[in-house]
């Protein structure tokens, strides 16, 4: 029997392996699909676009956190800061950022208008004064 297999050409031997090749191919496709599924859902993989969005949000948050203390410093230079802090604390939570914007404390040097995200974070910091 071995003698007959030696007489087979490469084409006949290739045809005998065809079913094995199909199994290997579909196993490889399944392994790739499973790897992608696990990687993107539970492995922490992200696309370039979502990584960029995450980086943009993190950068913006870092800037806001860095500028909020400057807003508090500008509040501290206000001669009527005690009265304004009382007014700020009396304001509703959702309107405190707007109050800070109107006072000009969230307008950073060199800027023409206040930053609403900085104003909101500044209001949170100002609410902690005297506690």
Protein backbone atom coordinates (compact mmCIF):
# COMPACT_ATOMS: atom_id res chain seq x y z
CA UNK A 1 0.00 0.00 0.00
CA UNK A 2 2.82 2.39 0.77
CA UNK A 3 4.22 1.50 -2.57
CA UNK A 4 1.02 2.85 -4.27
CA UNK A 5 1.21 6.16 -2.40
CA UNK A 6 4.73 6.71 -3.62
CA UNK A 7 3.51 6.44 -7.18
CA UNK A 8 0.91 9.21 -6.63
CA UNK A 9 1.90 12.56 -8.05
CA UNK A 10 1.90 15.80 -6.12
CA UNK A 11 -1.53 16.68 -7.52
CA UNK A 12 -3.15 13.48 -6.23
CA UNK A 13 -1.55 13.89 -2.82
CA UNK A 14 -2.78 17.50 -2.72
CA UNK A 15 -6.33 16.34 -3.49
CA UNK A 16 -6.17 13.82 -0.64
CA UNK A 17 -5.32 16.65 1.76
CA UNK A 18 -8.17 18.87 0.56
CA UNK A 19 -10.54 18.05 3.42
CA UNK A 20 -7.77 18.67 5.93
CA UNK A 21 -6.98 22.04 4.32
CA UNK A 22 -10.62 23.11 4.59
CA UNK A 23 -10.68 22.26 8.29
CA UNK A 24 -7.44 24.15 8.90
CA UNK A 25 -8.69 27.16 6.91
CA UNK A 26 -11.99 27.40 8.80
CA UNK A 27 -10.24 26.84 12.10
CA UNK A 28 -7.91 29.74 11.29
CA UNK A 29 -10.84 31.97 10.30
CA UNK A 30 -12.63 31.08 13.53
CA UNK A 31 -9.52 31.74 15.61
CA UNK A 32 -9.07 35.17 14.02
CA UNK A 33 -12.74 36.05 14.59
CA UNK A 34 -12.61 34.88 18.20
CA UNK A 35 -9.38 36.80 18.82
CA UNK A 36 -10.94 40.00 17.44
CA UNK A 37 -14.13 39.50 19.43
CA UNK A 38 -12.30 38.93 22.70
CA UNK A 39 -9.73 41.67 22.04
CA UNK A 40 -12.18 44.45 21.21
CA UNK A 41 -14.85 43.50 23.75
CA UNK A 42 -12.82 42.47 26.78
CA UNK A 43 -9.15 42.95 25.92
CA UNK A 44 -9.15 46.73 25.89
CA UNK A 45 -8.36 47.06 22.21
CA UNK A 46 -9.70 50.17 20.52
CA UNK A 47 -9.70 51.61 17.03
CA UNK A 48 -7.57 54.59 16.16
CA UNK A 49 -10.62 56.85 16.08
CA UNK A 50 -11.86 55.94 19.53
CA UNK A 51 -8.32 56.18 20.92
CA UNK A 52 -8.09 59.71 19.52
CA UNK A 53 -11.44 60.67 21.04
CA UNK A 54 -10.36 59.30 24.41
CA UNK A 55 -7.08 61.21 24.20
CA UNK A 56 -8.91 64.43 23.26
CA UNK A 57 -11.28 64.11 26.22
CA UNK A 58 -8.40 63.34 28.60
CA UNK A 59 -6.43 66.35 27.32
CA UNK A 60 -9.45 68.64 27.67
CA UNK A 61 -10.13 67.38 31.21
CA UNK A 62 -6.49 67.93 32.16
CA UNK A 63 -6.60 71.50 30.86
CA UNK A 64 -9.82 72.23 32.74
CA UNK A 65 -8.38 70.81 35.97
CA UNK A 66 -5.27 72.94 35.52
CA UNK A 67 -7.17 76.15 34.75
CA UNK A 68 -9.80 75.85 37.50
CA UNK A 69 -7.35 76.87 40.27
CA UNK A 70 -6.47 79.94 38.20
CA UNK A 71 -10.15 80.78 38.17
CA UNK A 72 -10.19 80.48 41.97
CA UNK A 73 -7.14 82.78 42.12
CA UNK A 74 -9.03 85.36 40.04
CA UNK A 75 -11.98 84.98 42.41
CA UNK A 76 -9.65 85.67 45.34
CA UNK A 77 -8.59 88.97 43.73
CA UNK A 78 -12.21 90.16 43.53
CA UNK A 79 -12.79 92.83 46.22
CA UNK A 80 -16.39 91.67 46.67
CA UNK A 81 -15.50 87.98 46.84
CA UNK A 82 -17.24 87.33 50.18
CA UNK A 83 -20.58 88.67 48.96
CA UNK A 84 -20.21 86.88 45.61
CA UNK A 85 -19.33 83.59 47.30
CA UNK A 86 -22.54 83.88 49.35
CA UNK A 87 -24.49 84.53 46.14
CA UNK A 88 -22.77 81.59 44.43
CA UNK A 89 -23.63 79.24 47.27
CA UNK A 90 -27.26 80.43 47.17
CA UNK A 91 -27.48 79.75 43.43
CA UNK A 92 -28.78 76.43 42.13
CA UNK A 93 -26.19 73.81 41.29
CA UNK A 94 -26.81 73.99 37.55
CA UNK A 95 -26.47 77.79 37.40
CA UNK A 96 -23.23 78.14 39.40
CA UNK A 97 -20.99 77.75 36.36
CA UNK A 98 -22.91 80.49 34.57
CA UNK A 99 -22.53 82.74 37.64
CA UNK A 100 -18.75 82.19 37.62
CA UNK A 101 -18.65 82.95 33.87
CA UNK A 102 -20.55 86.21 34.38
CA UNK A 103 -18.11 87.30 37.09
CA UNK A 104 -15.24 86.91 34.62
CA UNK A 105 -13.26 84.55 36.84
CA UNK A 106 -13.28 81.80 34.19
CA UNK A 107 -11.92 84.11 31.50
CA UNK A 108 -8.26 83.21 31.30
CA UNK A 109 -5.58 85.80 30.55
CA UNK A 110 -5.37 86.38 26.81
CA UNK A 111 -8.85 84.98 26.19
CA UNK A 112 -11.88 87.01 25.09
CA UNK A 113 -14.59 84.93 26.74
CA UNK A 114 -14.92 82.52 29.66
CA UNK A 115 -14.60 78.76 29.33
CA UNK A 116 -17.77 77.05 30.53
CA UNK A 117 -15.99 73.83 31.54
CA UNK A 118 -13.47 75.79 33.60
CA UNK A 119 -16.31 77.81 35.14
CA UNK A 120 -18.11 74.63 36.18
CA UNK A 121 -15.00 73.14 37.77
CA UNK A 122 -14.18 76.49 39.39
CA UNK A 123 -17.65 76.64 40.92
CA UNK A 124 -17.09 73.19 42.43
CA UNK A 125 -13.81 74.36 43.96
CA UNK A 126 -15.38 77.58 45.27
CA UNK A 127 -18.16 75.59 46.93
CA UNK A 128 -15.51 73.90 49.06
CA UNK A 129 -14.35 77.20 50.54
CA UNK A 130 -15.34 77.50 54.19
CA UNK A 131 -16.32 73.86 54.58
